[in-house]
Amino acid sequence: MSYHGQITESAEKGHSQPPHSGQPAYDARRLVNGEGTAMILLDDKAYQLRITRAGKLILTK
């Protein structure tokens, strides 16, 4: 999975902008694409991003 770019849909849905508006912002629910998990790559390492039932984010190696 390859993902590039900033997601602005949250602003359209009435959510507030992130406090650091100069930085890119990504909607975690869009990153996981309805599956609940997504792989994030950094150099040659893969990390799993998961949204819990309680709505918390967990990033594991």
Protein backbone atom coordinates (compact mmCIF):
# COMPACT_ATOMS: atom_id res chain seq x y z
CA MET A 1 0.00 0.00 0.00
CA SER A 2 1.33 3.38 -0.94
CA TYR A 3 -0.09 6.60 0.43
CA HIS A 4 0.97 10.18 -0.19
CA GLY A 5 -0.69 13.46 0.50
CA GLN A 6 -2.68 15.29 3.10
CA ILE A 7 -6.24 14.34 3.92
CA THR A 8 -8.56 17.28 4.33
CA GLU A 9 -11.89 15.43 4.52
CA SER A 10 -11.99 15.84 8.33
CA ALA A 11 -12.28 19.59 7.87
CA GLU A 12 -15.25 19.02 5.57
CA LYS A 13 -16.95 16.91 8.25
CA GLY A 14 -16.67 19.70 10.82
CA HIS A 15 -13.70 18.40 12.75
CA SER A 16 -11.26 20.97 14.04
CA GLN A 17 -7.92 21.49 12.37
CA PRO A 18 -4.83 20.03 14.07
CA PRO A 19 -3.06 22.44 16.45
CA HIS A 20 0.06 22.49 14.25
CA SER A 21 -1.63 23.59 11.05
CA GLY A 22 1.72 23.93 9.21
CA GLN A 23 2.30 20.17 9.48
CA PRO A 24 0.64 17.50 7.34
CA ALA A 25 -2.41 15.88 8.95
CA TYR A 26 -3.70 12.39 8.17
CA ASP A 27 -7.00 10.82 9.17
CA ALA A 28 -6.07 7.47 10.77
CA ARG A 29 -9.40 5.91 9.78
CA ARG A 30 -8.65 6.66 6.13
CA LEU A 31 -5.13 5.23 6.53
CA VAL A 32 -6.49 1.89 7.75
CA ASN A 33 -9.12 1.93 4.98
CA GLY A 34 -11.86 0.39 7.10
CA GLU A 35 -9.69 -2.64 7.94
CA GLY A 36 -8.62 -1.41 11.40
CA THR A 37 -4.91 -1.84 10.66
CA ALA A 38 -2.33 -0.44 8.25
CA MET A 39 1.35 -1.07 7.62
CA ILE A 40 3.68 1.92 7.87
CA LEU A 41 7.16 1.62 6.42
CA LEU A 42 10.22 3.49 7.66
CA ASP A 43 13.49 2.67 5.93
CA ASP A 44 13.56 -1.14 5.88
CA LYS A 45 11.27 -1.62 8.89
CA ALA A 46 7.51 -2.25 8.89
CA TYR A 47 5.24 -1.01 11.66
CA GLN A 48 1.58 -1.82 12.22
CA LEU A 49 -0.86 0.98 13.00
CA ARG A 50 -4.03 -0.27 14.67
CA ILE A 51 -7.17 1.48 15.87
CA THR A 52 -8.61 -0.18 18.99
CA ARG A 53 -12.31 -0.58 19.74
CA ALA A 54 -11.93 2.30 22.20
CA GLY A 55 -10.67 4.56 19.39
CA LYS A 56 -7.01 4.61 20.51
CA LEU A 57 -4.03 4.26 18.17
CA ILE A 58 -1.38 1.61 18.70
CA LEU A 59 1.85 1.51 16.66
CA THR A 60 3.88 -1.69 16.93
CA LYS A 61 7.03 -2.93 15.25
